[in-house]
Amino acid sequence: MNIFAEFNARIARVVQSFDLHTETGTVDLSRVTVEPPRDPSHGDLATNAAMVLAKPAKTNPRALAERLAEALKADPDVAAVDVAGPGFVNLRLNDTFWQARLGEILDAGTDY
């Protein structure tokens, strides 16, 4: 599993714990992405989760992003979480996260 898929799953678990109410009764996570931020100085990962989930949940994207950020701060692999703009969430991962994957990164080379 790559780190983007891994953190997408972690974010999905957090969002599901929020018990968001939508018209369908379920939260559609299919449009949630986790990817590198456009500007590397913003962190290691970025997610649009709050942006795509706010409208179906009838909530403010920035408020949902703040809630998501607070929950992600508890993740032991996350060093810092910042909300950017209208509700994007940027994550910076701990050095220990990267050190634990160093062998995998070296084995994969440029394919990582």
Protein backbone atom coordinates (compact mmCIF):
# COMPACT_ATOMS: atom_id res chain seq x y z
CA MET A 1 0.00 0.00 0.00
CA ASN A 2 1.36 3.43 -0.83
CA ILE A 3 1.20 6.30 1.66
CA PHE A 4 -1.57 8.07 -0.25
CA ALA A 5 -3.86 5.02 -0.07
CA GLU A 6 -2.85 4.44 3.55
CA PHE A 7 -3.75 7.97 4.59
CA ASN A 8 -6.89 7.95 2.48
CA ALA A 9 -8.01 4.96 4.56
CA ARG A 10 -7.05 6.72 7.81
CA ILE A 11 -8.97 9.84 6.78
CA ALA A 12 -11.97 7.72 5.78
CA ARG A 13 -12.03 6.14 9.26
CA VAL A 14 -11.92 9.58 10.88
CA VAL A 15 -14.70 10.94 8.65
CA GLN A 16 -16.87 7.89 9.31
CA SER A 17 -16.48 8.48 13.04
CA PHE A 18 -18.00 11.96 12.61
CA ASP A 19 -21.46 10.55 11.87
CA LEU A 20 -22.13 13.13 9.16
CA HIS A 21 -25.75 13.32 8.06
CA THR A 22 -26.41 13.38 4.34
CA GLU A 23 -29.56 13.05 2.25
CA THR A 24 -28.65 9.46 1.38
CA GLY A 25 -27.67 8.66 4.95
CA THR A 26 -24.18 7.60 3.94
CA VAL A 27 -21.00 9.54 3.29
CA ASP A 28 -19.62 9.07 -0.23
CA LEU A 29 -15.85 8.97 0.13
CA SER A 30 -15.18 8.22 -3.54
CA ARG A 31 -14.13 11.81 -4.35
CA VAL A 32 -11.80 12.17 -1.35
CA THR A 33 -8.18 12.35 -2.48
CA VAL A 34 -4.87 12.32 -0.67
CA GLU A 35 -1.94 13.58 -2.72
CA PRO A 36 1.20 15.67 -2.48
CA PRO A 37 0.40 19.34 -1.90
CA ARG A 38 1.05 21.67 -4.84
CA ASP A 39 3.65 23.51 -2.77
CA PRO A 40 5.99 21.08 -0.95
CA SER A 41 6.48 23.63 1.83
CA HIS A 42 2.86 22.98 2.87
CA GLY A 43 3.62 19.44 4.02
CA ASP A 44 3.90 15.86 2.85
CA LEU A 45 0.24 15.14 2.06
CA ALA A 46 -2.91 17.11 1.31
CA THR A 47 -6.55 16.06 1.28
CA ASN A 48 -9.69 17.57 -0.15
CA ALA A 49 -11.93 15.57 2.21
CA ALA A 50 -13.62 18.54 3.86
CA MET A 51 -14.13 20.29 0.53
CA VAL A 52 -15.96 17.38 -1.12
CA LEU A 53 -17.87 16.19 1.94
CA ALA A 54 -19.13 19.52 3.29
CA LYS A 55 -21.91 20.12 0.77
CA PRO A 56 -23.57 16.67 1.05
CA ALA A 57 -23.25 16.93 4.85
CA LYS A 58 -24.66 20.48 4.76
CA THR A 59 -21.80 21.91 6.76
CA ASN A 60 -19.12 24.55 6.28
CA PRO A 61 -16.02 23.10 4.57
CA ARG A 62 -13.62 25.11 6.71
CA ALA A 63 -15.36 23.97 9.92
CA LEU A 64 -15.27 20.36 8.74
CA ALA A 65 -11.58 20.74 7.85
CA GLU A 66 -10.83 22.10 11.35
CA ARG A 67 -12.62 19.12 12.87
CA LEU A 68 -10.73 16.72 10.63
CA ALA A 69 -7.43 18.43 11.45
CA GLU A 70 -8.06 18.09 15.18
CA ALA A 71 -8.75 14.37 14.80
CA LEU A 72 -5.69 13.79 12.61
CA LYS A 73 -3.43 15.47 15.18
CA ALA A 74 -3.99 12.39 17.33
CA ASP A 75 -2.45 10.13 14.66
CA PRO A 76 1.01 9.13 15.92
CA ASP A 77 2.48 9.38 12.41
CA VAL A 78 1.36 13.00 11.95
CA ALA A 79 3.70 15.76 13.08
CA ALA A 80 1.54 18.71 12.03
CA VAL A 81 -1.83 19.44 10.45
CA ASP A 82 -2.84 22.72 8.85
CA VAL A 83 -6.07 23.88 7.26
CA ALA A 84 -5.51 25.89 4.11
CA GLY A 85 -7.85 28.10 2.16
CA PRO A 86 -11.50 27.16 2.21
CA GLY A 87 -10.90 23.70 3.68
CA PHE A 88 -7.94 21.77 2.34
CA VAL A 89 -6.02 19.85 5.01
CA ASN A 90 -2.23 19.59 4.79
CA LEU A 91 -0.31 16.96 6.76
CA ARG A 92 3.33 16.79 7.70
CA LEU A 93 4.45 13.31 8.73
CA ASN A 94 6.83 12.46 11.57
CA ASP A 95 10.40 11.50 10.80
CA THR A 96 9.73 8.12 12.40
CA PHE A 97 7.07 7.43 9.77
CA TRP A 98 9.59 8.01 7.00
CA GLN A 99 12.37 6.11 8.78
CA ALA A 100 10.12 3.06 9.15
CA ARG A 101 9.58 3.07 5.38
CA LEU A 102 13.13 3.83 4.32
CA GLY A 103 13.81 0.28 3.14
CA GLU A 104 10.61 0.24 1.08
CA ILE A 105 11.49 3.62 -0.44
CA LEU A 106 15.03 2.51 -1.34
CA ASP A 107 13.80 -0.78 -2.82
CA ALA A 108 11.23 0.99 -4.99
CA GLY A 109 13.63 3.72 -6.13
CA THR A 110 12.02 6.17 -8.54
CA ASP A 111 8.85 4.06 -8.60
CA TYR A 112 8.10 5.16 -5.04
